[in-house]
């Protein structure tokens, strides 16, 4: 019994001694860590957001680690995150699919003749609400210039009546077309021609959006580079509902114009150009900057203007001839008795002396809608018809002020 007692006692002494050594080692380690804390901080994990960045020649990209960029099959075009990341560029061509933010869709594999070129843009995350397409380069075949009559219309509607006016397919995108599918929102109009430096917004589709070029026959010079940016639902850059375009100049000034401006305005357009009202500004002023070079497919004589029975008269249902619509328009002096629809040459924003006028609005955002129907008048016996005078479209300069706030 005594031998067993001493054996147990010896075991207990060894256990307590080992426990004391472990405690002493833990304290020493803690002291060492405190003493060399600065040296060990070099092993901290560097974290940064995968946000937009600009690489060489201001090319857009997304900030990733070098390994992430390679894994995602991107190309490094510069550094970001104070040198801890690389600005990663993603490019697709005809037939490509991407879910990366800030992707370039280019014409690398564009058909040499007749064919289709598509790109599929899938959401980069579950919180993506809108896509912005910037046309850094955009040139395809322009609209039809055929002025021969193909139908007869009365007040913009097909008719066989004796007073029906011959109309042509002038302005329709017959040879080439570009269109983009939308989610639940408004789909941008089909466009063609030259639209470099223009842009459009479109609601993101959970099942992916499709960008599509339909190219016809003919010796046409074609080139495009479209920058696709995805915006989260909480982004301050989201365009207001119903806006085809959204202009957010910090200076409060800029210019808006119809698609293919200067080369014949397009048919079947519903292009809503919205301008953000800046802080300390209470109204936006818009002015035609083109004088006699503008035009929207209606003469300054009494004609139907978006359903109006007289030039500039805001009555009737929208859907007649081409026009520019400025809701809640007022004169520069604050007079609300200003028509909200304008048509004719000089964008309708001109006096009988052909001088440009200024139209204002306190609406937020400021909206200018260019609307056109499918045909243009081809009756050569009528004065100032579209067949005689190819209309260039609409170009307005805008600026903001704090007058009468």
Protein backbone atom coordinates (compact mmCIF):
# COMPACT_ATOMS: atom_id res chain seq x y z
CA UNK A 1 0.00 0.00 0.00
CA UNK A 2 2.86 2.39 0.85
CA UNK A 3 4.58 1.74 -2.46
CA UNK A 4 1.41 2.50 -4.36
CA UNK A 5 0.96 5.77 -2.46
CA UNK A 6 4.46 6.97 -3.33
CA UNK A 7 3.89 6.01 -6.99
CA UNK A 8 0.74 8.15 -7.15
CA UNK A 9 2.49 11.04 -5.40
CA UNK A 10 5.39 10.93 -7.85
CA UNK A 11 3.00 11.00 -10.80
CA UNK A 12 1.17 14.01 -9.35
CA UNK A 13 4.44 15.92 -8.83
CA UNK A 14 5.50 15.27 -12.45
CA UNK A 15 2.08 16.47 -13.74
CA UNK A 16 2.20 19.69 -11.73
CA UNK A 17 5.74 20.40 -12.89
CA UNK A 18 4.76 19.91 -16.54
CA UNK A 19 1.75 22.19 -16.13
CA UNK A 20 3.98 24.87 -14.65
CA UNK A 21 6.37 24.64 -17.60
CA UNK A 22 3.50 24.99 -20.07
CA UNK A 23 2.21 28.10 -18.26
CA UNK A 24 5.69 29.60 -18.19
CA UNK A 25 6.12 28.95 -21.93
CA UNK A 26 2.73 30.56 -22.68
CA UNK A 27 3.71 33.69 -20.74
CA UNK A 28 7.05 33.83 -22.50
CA UNK A 29 5.38 33.48 -25.87
CA UNK A 30 2.89 36.24 -25.02
CA UNK A 31 5.75 38.50 -23.91
CA UNK A 32 7.65 37.72 -27.12
CA UNK A 33 4.58 38.53 -29.20
CA UNK A 34 4.13 41.83 -27.40
CA UNK A 35 7.80 42.65 -27.83
CA UNK A 36 7.85 41.88 -31.54
CA UNK A 37 4.30 42.93 -32.45
CA UNK A 38 5.48 45.43 -35.08
CA UNK A 39 7.60 42.83 -36.83
CA UNK A 40 4.68 40.39 -36.99
CA UNK A 41 2.26 42.99 -38.52
CA UNK A 42 3.84 42.39 -41.92
CA UNK A 43 1.70 39.27 -42.18
CA UNK A 44 -1.61 41.18 -42.08
CA UNK A 45 -4.04 40.32 -44.92
CA UNK A 46 -4.50 43.13 -47.47
CA UNK A 47 -8.13 43.58 -48.54
CA UNK A 48 -9.56 45.90 -51.21
CA UNK A 49 -12.80 46.30 -53.12
CA UNK A 50 -13.20 44.87 -56.61
CA UNK A 51 -14.28 48.24 -57.93
CA UNK A 52 -13.76 50.00 -61.27
CA UNK A 53 -10.31 51.24 -62.23
CA UNK A 54 -8.50 52.74 -65.20
CA UNK A 55 -5.42 51.22 -66.76
CA UNK A 56 -3.12 52.35 -69.53
CA UNK A 57 -4.62 54.85 -71.97
CA UNK A 58 -7.56 55.20 -69.56
CA UNK A 59 -8.86 51.76 -70.47
CA UNK A 60 -11.53 50.66 -67.96
CA UNK A 61 -11.21 47.56 -65.83
CA UNK A 62 -11.95 46.00 -62.44
CA UNK A 63 -9.48 45.86 -59.53
CA UNK A 64 -8.47 42.26 -58.70
CA UNK A 65 -5.41 40.47 -57.38
CA UNK A 66 -3.08 39.27 -60.09
CA UNK A 67 -4.15 35.67 -59.48
CA UNK A 68 -7.86 36.53 -59.60
CA UNK A 69 -7.40 38.40 -62.88
CA UNK A 70 -5.64 35.41 -64.42
CA UNK A 71 -8.24 32.96 -63.10
CA UNK A 72 -11.05 35.07 -64.57
CA UNK A 73 -9.23 35.19 -67.92
CA UNK A 74 -8.73 38.91 -67.79
CA UNK A 75 -5.74 40.98 -68.88
CA UNK A 76 -3.79 43.28 -66.56
CA UNK A 77 -3.71 46.83 -67.92
CA UNK A 78 -2.23 48.58 -64.89
CA UNK A 79 -2.13 48.60 -61.10
CA UNK A 80 -4.74 49.55 -58.50
CA UNK A 81 -5.31 49.49 -54.73
CA UNK A 82 -1.98 51.23 -54.10
CA UNK A 83 -0.15 48.57 -56.05
CA UNK A 84 -1.66 45.60 -54.22
CA UNK A 85 -3.99 44.80 -57.14
CA UNK A 86 -4.06 44.89 -60.92
CA UNK A 87 -6.57 46.71 -63.11
CA UNK A 88 -8.07 43.75 -64.94
CA UNK A 89 -9.65 44.25 -68.37
CA UNK A 90 -12.28 41.93 -69.81
CA UNK A 91 -13.05 41.87 -73.53
CA UNK A 92 -15.54 39.81 -75.51
CA UNK A 93 -16.44 39.74 -79.18
CA UNK A 94 -19.21 38.20 -81.29
CA UNK A 95 -20.70 35.18 -79.54
CA UNK A 96 -19.11 36.02 -76.18
CA UNK A 97 -20.67 35.78 -72.72
CA UNK A 98 -19.57 37.56 -69.55
CA UNK A 99 -20.66 38.23 -65.99
CA UNK A 100 -17.80 40.62 -65.28
CA UNK A 101 -18.40 44.27 -64.56
CA UNK A 102 -16.85 46.82 -66.94
CA UNK A 103 -16.56 44.57 -69.99
CA UNK A 104 -15.63 45.71 -73.50
CA UNK A 105 -17.67 44.27 -76.39
CA UNK A 106 -15.73 44.84 -79.61
CA UNK A 107 -15.87 44.06 -83.31
CA UNK A 108 -12.97 41.58 -83.42
CA UNK A 109 -15.03 38.72 -84.91
CA UNK A 110 -17.61 40.78 -86.76
CA UNK A 111 -18.95 39.07 -89.93
CA UNK A 112 -17.42 40.42 -93.11
CA UNK A 113 -20.81 40.37 -94.82
CA UNK A 114 -24.38 39.60 -93.88
CA UNK A 115 -24.78 38.06 -90.44
CA UNK A 116 -25.43 38.50 -86.73
CA UNK A 117 -23.09 39.48 -83.92
CA UNK A 118 -24.31 39.03 -80.34
CA UNK A 119 -22.93 39.33 -76.83
CA UNK A 120 -24.56 38.01 -73.66
CA UNK A 121 -24.21 40.09 -70.49
CA UNK A 122 -25.10 38.27 -67.27
CA UNK A 123 -25.38 39.98 -63.86
CA UNK A 124 -22.14 40.21 -61.88
CA UNK A 125 -24.18 39.63 -58.71
CA UNK A 126 -27.66 39.38 -57.27
CA UNK A 127 -27.80 43.12 -56.58
CA UNK A 128 -27.36 44.35 -60.17
CA UNK A 129 -30.26 46.55 -61.38
CA UNK A 130 -29.03 48.40 -64.49
CA UNK A 131 -26.52 48.24 -67.32
CA UNK A 132 -24.97 51.29 -68.94
CA UNK A 133 -23.70 50.83 -72.49
CA UNK A 134 -21.16 53.46 -73.58
CA UNK A 135 -20.56 53.56 -77.32
CA UNK A 136 -16.84 54.42 -77.32
CA UNK A 137 -16.95 53.57 -81.02
CA UNK A 138 -20.10 52.90 -83.02
CA UNK A 139 -20.41 52.93 -86.79
CA UNK A 140 -22.64 50.65 -88.84
CA UNK A 141 -24.79 51.22 -91.92
CA UNK A 142 -27.05 54.26 -91.65
CA UNK A 143 -30.81 54.46 -92.16
CA UNK A 144 -32.63 54.17 -95.46
CA UNK A 145 -32.45 57.16 -97.79
CA UNK A 146 -35.15 55.82 -100.12
CA UNK A 147 -37.71 58.56 -100.68
CA UNK A 148 -40.13 56.57 -102.86
CA UNK A 149 -43.62 56.19 -101.44
CA UNK A 150 -44.44 52.82 -99.89
CA UNK A 151 -47.66 53.69 -98.06
CA UNK A 152 -50.18 56.47 -97.51
CA UNK A 153 -51.04 57.98 -94.15
CA UNK A 154 -53.63 60.26 -92.61
CA UNK A 155 -52.55 61.84 -89.33
CA UNK A 156 -49.77 59.29 -89.06
CA UNK A 157 -51.97 56.24 -89.62
CA UNK A 158 -52.17 54.04 -92.77
CA UNK A 159 -55.15 54.99 -94.91
CA UNK A 160 -56.58 54.56 -98.41
CA UNK A 161 -58.52 57.81 -98.19
CA UNK A 162 -58.26 60.34 -101.00
CA UNK A 163 -56.51 62.81 -98.73
CA UNK A 164 -53.89 60.28 -97.57
CA UNK A 165 -50.31 61.52 -97.95
CA UNK A 166 -47.60 59.33 -99.55
CA UNK A 167 -44.89 58.24 -97.11
CA UNK A 168 -41.49 56.58 -97.53
CA UNK A 169 -39.24 54.31 -95.43
CA UNK A 170 -36.77 57.16 -95.12
CA UNK A 171 -35.03 56.88 -91.73
CA UNK A 172 -35.70 53.21 -91.08
CA UNK A 173 -32.76 50.97 -90.09
CA UNK A 174 -33.02 48.58 -93.04
CA UNK A 175 -29.44 47.36 -93.67
CA UNK A 176 -27.92 47.26 -90.18
CA UNK A 177 -29.51 47.34 -86.73
CA UNK A 178 -28.39 47.33 -83.11
CA UNK A 179 -30.69 46.43 -80.26
CA UNK A 180 -30.45 45.31 -76.65
CA UNK A 181 -32.89 43.23 -74.65
CA UNK A 182 -34.14 44.61 -71.34
CA UNK A 183 -35.35 43.26 -68.03
CA UNK A 184 -38.67 44.59 -66.83
CA UNK A 185 -38.07 48.19 -67.87
CA UNK A 186 -38.19 50.17 -71.09
CA UNK A 187 -36.17 48.76 -73.98
CA UNK A 188 -33.97 51.28 -75.85
CA UNK A 189 -35.00 51.89 -79.47
CA UNK A 190 -33.40 50.05 -82.39
CA UNK A 191 -30.60 52.23 -83.78
CA UNK A 192 -28.12 52.34 -86.65
CA UNK A 193 -25.63 54.71 -88.26
CA UNK A 194 -22.97 56.66 -86.34
CA UNK A 195 -23.45 56.88 -82.58
CA UNK A 196 -19.94 57.24 -81.18
CA UNK A 197 -19.89 58.77 -77.66
CA UNK A 198 -23.59 58.11 -77.14
CA UNK A 199 -24.84 55.80 -74.38
CA UNK A 200 -27.97 53.96 -73.23
CA UNK A 201 -29.25 52.54 -69.96
CA UNK A 202 -31.16 49.29 -69.74
CA UNK A 203 -32.62 47.33 -66.83
CA UNK A 204 -30.58 44.25 -65.98
CA UNK A 205 -32.18 40.91 -66.75
CA UNK A 206 -31.67 38.12 -64.21
CA UNK A 207 -31.51 35.75 -67.19
CA UNK A 208 -28.87 37.94 -68.92
CA UNK A 209 -29.20 40.79 -71.42
CA UNK A 210 -28.35 40.32 -75.07
CA UNK A 211 -26.62 42.90 -77.25
CA UNK A 212 -27.30 42.19 -80.92
CA UNK A 213 -26.05 43.56 -84.23
CA UNK A 214 -27.97 42.44 -87.31
CA UNK A 215 -25.84 43.22 -90.34
CA UNK A 216 -27.05 43.32 -93.93
CA UNK A 217 -25.35 43.22 -97.30
CA UNK A 218 -23.39 46.03 -98.85
CA UNK A 219 -19.96 47.63 -98.80
CA UNK A 220 -20.29 49.22 -95.37
CA UNK A 221 -17.51 50.23 -93.00
CA UNK A 222 -18.40 48.84 -89.58
CA UNK A 223 -16.66 49.25 -86.23
CA UNK A 224 -17.80 49.26 -82.62
CA UNK A 225 -16.49 49.17 -79.08
CA UNK A 226 -19.15 49.11 -76.39
CA UNK A 227 -18.22 49.51 -72.72
CA UNK A 228 -20.68 47.68 -70.44
CA UNK A 229 -20.91 48.84 -66.82
CA UNK A 230 -23.17 47.11 -64.30
CA UNK A 231 -24.77 49.15 -61.51
CA UNK A 232 -25.96 47.78 -58.18
CA UNK A 233 -29.47 48.62 -57.02
CA UNK A 234 -28.02 51.01 -54.42
CA UNK A 235 -25.73 52.84 -56.85
CA UNK A 236 -26.12 56.65 -57.05
CA UNK A 237 -25.46 56.33 -60.79
CA UNK A 238 -28.74 54.56 -61.58
CA UNK A 239 -30.80 56.25 -64.27
CA UNK A 240 -34.35 57.24 -63.25
CA UNK A 241 -37.11 54.95 -64.47
CA UNK A 242 -38.02 55.44 -68.12
CA UNK A 243 -34.77 57.19 -69.12
CA UNK A 244 -32.96 55.95 -72.22
CA UNK A 245 -30.00 58.17 -71.34
CA UNK A 246 -28.92 59.91 -68.14
CA UNK A 247 -26.58 62.90 -68.13
CA UNK A 248 -24.90 63.75 -64.81
CA UNK A 249 -22.42 66.53 -65.55
CA UNK A 250 -20.98 68.02 -62.35
CA UNK A 251 -20.87 71.41 -64.07
CA UNK A 252 -24.58 71.25 -64.87
CA UNK A 253 -23.95 71.84 -68.56
CA UNK A 254 -23.79 69.53 -71.54
CA UNK A 255 -25.35 68.53 -74.82
CA UNK A 256 -27.95 65.94 -75.80
CA UNK A 257 -28.73 64.73 -79.30
CA UNK A 258 -30.77 62.17 -81.16
CA UNK A 259 -29.15 58.97 -82.39
CA UNK A 260 -27.28 59.21 -85.70
CA UNK A 261 -27.45 62.99 -85.46
CA UNK A 262 -26.27 64.80 -88.57
CA UNK A 263 -26.74 61.78 -90.81
CA UNK A 264 -30.52 61.53 -90.92
CA UNK A 265 -32.66 61.01 -87.83
CA UNK A 266 -34.00 57.51 -87.26
CA UNK A 267 -37.53 56.18 -87.53
CA UNK A 268 -39.46 54.51 -84.71
CA UNK A 269 -37.63 56.31 -81.94
CA UNK A 270 -38.66 56.93 -78.35
CA UNK A 271 -35.42 58.31 -76.96
CA UNK A 272 -35.82 59.81 -73.48
CA UNK A 273 -32.82 61.96 -72.52
CA UNK A 274 -32.72 62.76 -68.80
CA UNK A 275 -30.55 65.34 -67.05
CA UNK A 276 -29.75 65.19 -63.35
CA UNK A 277 -30.57 68.40 -61.56
CA UNK A 278 -27.55 69.41 -59.51
CA UNK A 279 -27.52 70.70 -55.96
CA UNK A 280 -28.45 74.39 -55.61
CA UNK A 281 -30.05 74.36 -59.07
CA UNK A 282 -33.79 74.56 -59.50
CA UNK A 283 -34.27 74.44 -63.26
CA UNK A 284 -32.65 73.27 -66.47
CA UNK A 285 -32.57 75.37 -69.63
CA UNK A 286 -32.40 73.78 -73.08
CA UNK A 287 -31.53 75.57 -76.29
CA UNK A 288 -31.20 74.48 -79.90
CA UNK A 289 -27.59 74.97 -80.99
CA UNK A 290 -27.97 74.01 -84.62
CA UNK A 291 -30.41 76.58 -86.02
CA UNK A 292 -31.27 75.66 -89.61
CA UNK A 293 -29.20 72.46 -89.55
CA UNK A 294 -31.69 70.70 -87.29
CA UNK A 295 -34.99 69.14 -88.23
CA UNK A 296 -37.35 66.43 -87.06
CA UNK A 297 -39.49 65.50 -89.98
CA UNK A 298 -42.14 68.19 -89.94
CA UNK A 299 -42.21 71.56 -91.60
CA UNK A 300 -42.99 74.76 -89.76
CA UNK A 301 -46.35 74.94 -91.52
CA UNK A 302 -49.46 73.59 -89.79
CA UNK A 303 -48.87 69.84 -89.53
CA UNK A 304 -49.53 67.11 -87.04
CA UNK A 305 -46.79 67.15 -84.40
CA UNK A 306 -46.89 64.01 -82.25
CA UNK A 307 -50.65 64.08 -82.61
CA UNK A 308 -51.00 67.86 -82.33
CA UNK A 309 -53.05 69.49 -85.07
CA UNK A 310 -50.90 72.61 -85.25
CA UNK A 311 -47.17 73.09 -84.97
CA UNK A 312 -46.30 73.45 -81.31
CA UNK A 313 -49.85 73.06 -80.05
CA UNK A 314 -49.95 70.63 -77.16
CA UNK A 315 -53.18 68.82 -78.01
CA UNK A 316 -54.07 65.44 -79.44
CA UNK A 317 -52.67 62.00 -78.71
CA UNK A 318 -48.98 61.24 -79.09
CA UNK A 319 -48.25 59.06 -82.08
CA UNK A 320 -48.52 61.32 -85.11
CA UNK A 321 -45.53 63.01 -86.69
CA UNK A 322 -42.06 63.36 -85.22
CA UNK A 323 -41.52 65.74 -82.32
CA UNK A 324 -39.55 66.74 -79.28
CA UNK A 325 -41.42 66.51 -75.99
CA UNK A 326 -40.44 68.60 -72.95
CA UNK A 327 -42.86 67.97 -70.06
CA UNK A 328 -43.59 70.92 -67.75
CA UNK A 329 -41.88 73.33 -70.13
CA UNK A 330 -41.84 77.01 -69.36
CA UNK A 331 -40.29 80.11 -70.82
CA UNK A 332 -37.09 81.57 -69.45
CA UNK A 333 -39.17 84.20 -67.64
CA UNK A 334 -41.15 81.49 -65.84
CA UNK A 335 -44.27 81.63 -68.00
CA UNK A 336 -45.96 78.22 -67.95
CA UNK A 337 -47.92 78.93 -71.16
CA UNK A 338 -45.34 77.19 -73.30
CA UNK A 339 -46.20 74.17 -75.42
CA UNK A 340 -44.66 70.87 -74.35
CA UNK A 341 -44.23 69.46 -77.87
CA UNK A 342 -42.08 70.93 -80.60
CA UNK A 343 -41.65 69.90 -84.20
CA UNK A 344 -40.29 71.24 -87.47
CA UNK A 345 -36.92 72.55 -88.48
CA UNK A 346 -34.72 74.28 -85.94
CA UNK A 347 -35.98 71.59 -83.58
CA UNK A 348 -39.13 73.67 -83.27
CA UNK A 349 -37.32 75.71 -80.64
CA UNK A 350 -37.11 78.73 -82.90
CA UNK A 351 -39.07 81.81 -83.77
CA UNK A 352 -40.34 82.74 -87.19
CA UNK A 353 -37.08 84.66 -87.60
CA UNK A 354 -35.21 81.32 -87.25
CA UNK A 355 -33.52 82.41 -84.03
CA UNK A 356 -33.04 79.85 -81.26
CA UNK A 357 -35.28 79.99 -78.22
CA UNK A 358 -34.67 78.72 -74.69
CA UNK A 359 -37.12 76.39 -72.97
CA UNK A 360 -36.88 75.68 -69.25
CA UNK A 361 -38.18 73.05 -66.86
CA UNK A 362 -38.16 72.59 -63.10
CA UNK A 363 -38.88 68.88 -63.35
CA UNK A 364 -36.39 66.55 -61.70
CA UNK A 365 -34.91 64.89 -63.58
CA UNK A 366 -35.23 67.12 -66.63
CA UNK A 367 -36.56 64.98 -69.50
CA UNK A 368 -36.36 65.57 -73.23
CA UNK A 369 -38.05 62.91 -75.35
CA UNK A 370 -37.42 62.58 -79.08
CA UNK A 371 -40.20 60.61 -80.74
CA UNK A 372 -40.57 59.62 -84.37
CA UNK A 373 -42.94 57.38 -86.29
CA UNK A 374 -42.08 54.76 -88.89
CA UNK A 375 -42.40 56.84 -92.07
CA UNK A 376 -41.56 60.22 -93.59
CA UNK A 377 -43.63 62.26 -96.04
CA UNK A 378 -42.52 61.66 -99.63
CA UNK A 379 -45.02 63.82 -101.54
CA UNK A 380 -42.77 66.08 -103.62
CA UNK A 381 -45.65 68.44 -104.36
CA UNK A 382 -45.79 69.54 -100.72
CA UNK A 383 -43.39 72.19 -99.37
CA UNK A 384 -40.56 71.25 -97.01
CA UNK A 385 -41.24 67.51 -97.00
CA UNK A 386 -38.75 65.10 -95.46
CA UNK A 387 -37.96 63.59 -98.85
CA UNK A 388 -36.82 67.02 -100.04
CA UNK A 389 -34.93 67.92 -96.87
CA UNK A 390 -33.21 65.05 -95.05
CA UNK A 391 -33.64 65.86 -91.37
CA UNK A 392 -30.49 65.74 -89.28
CA UNK A 393 -32.21 65.23 -85.95
CA UNK A 394 -32.08 67.07 -82.65
CA UNK A 395 -29.14 68.57 -80.76
CA UNK A 396 -29.68 70.70 -77.67
CA UNK A 397 -27.29 72.33 -75.24
CA UNK A 398 -28.46 72.42 -71.63
CA UNK A 399 -27.38 74.35 -68.57
CA UNK A 400 -28.72 74.80 -65.06
CA UNK A 401 -29.37 77.86 -62.92
CA UNK A 402 -30.82 78.89 -59.57
CA UNK A 403 -33.01 81.70 -60.90
CA UNK A 404 -36.46 81.96 -59.29
CA UNK A 405 -35.78 79.08 -56.92
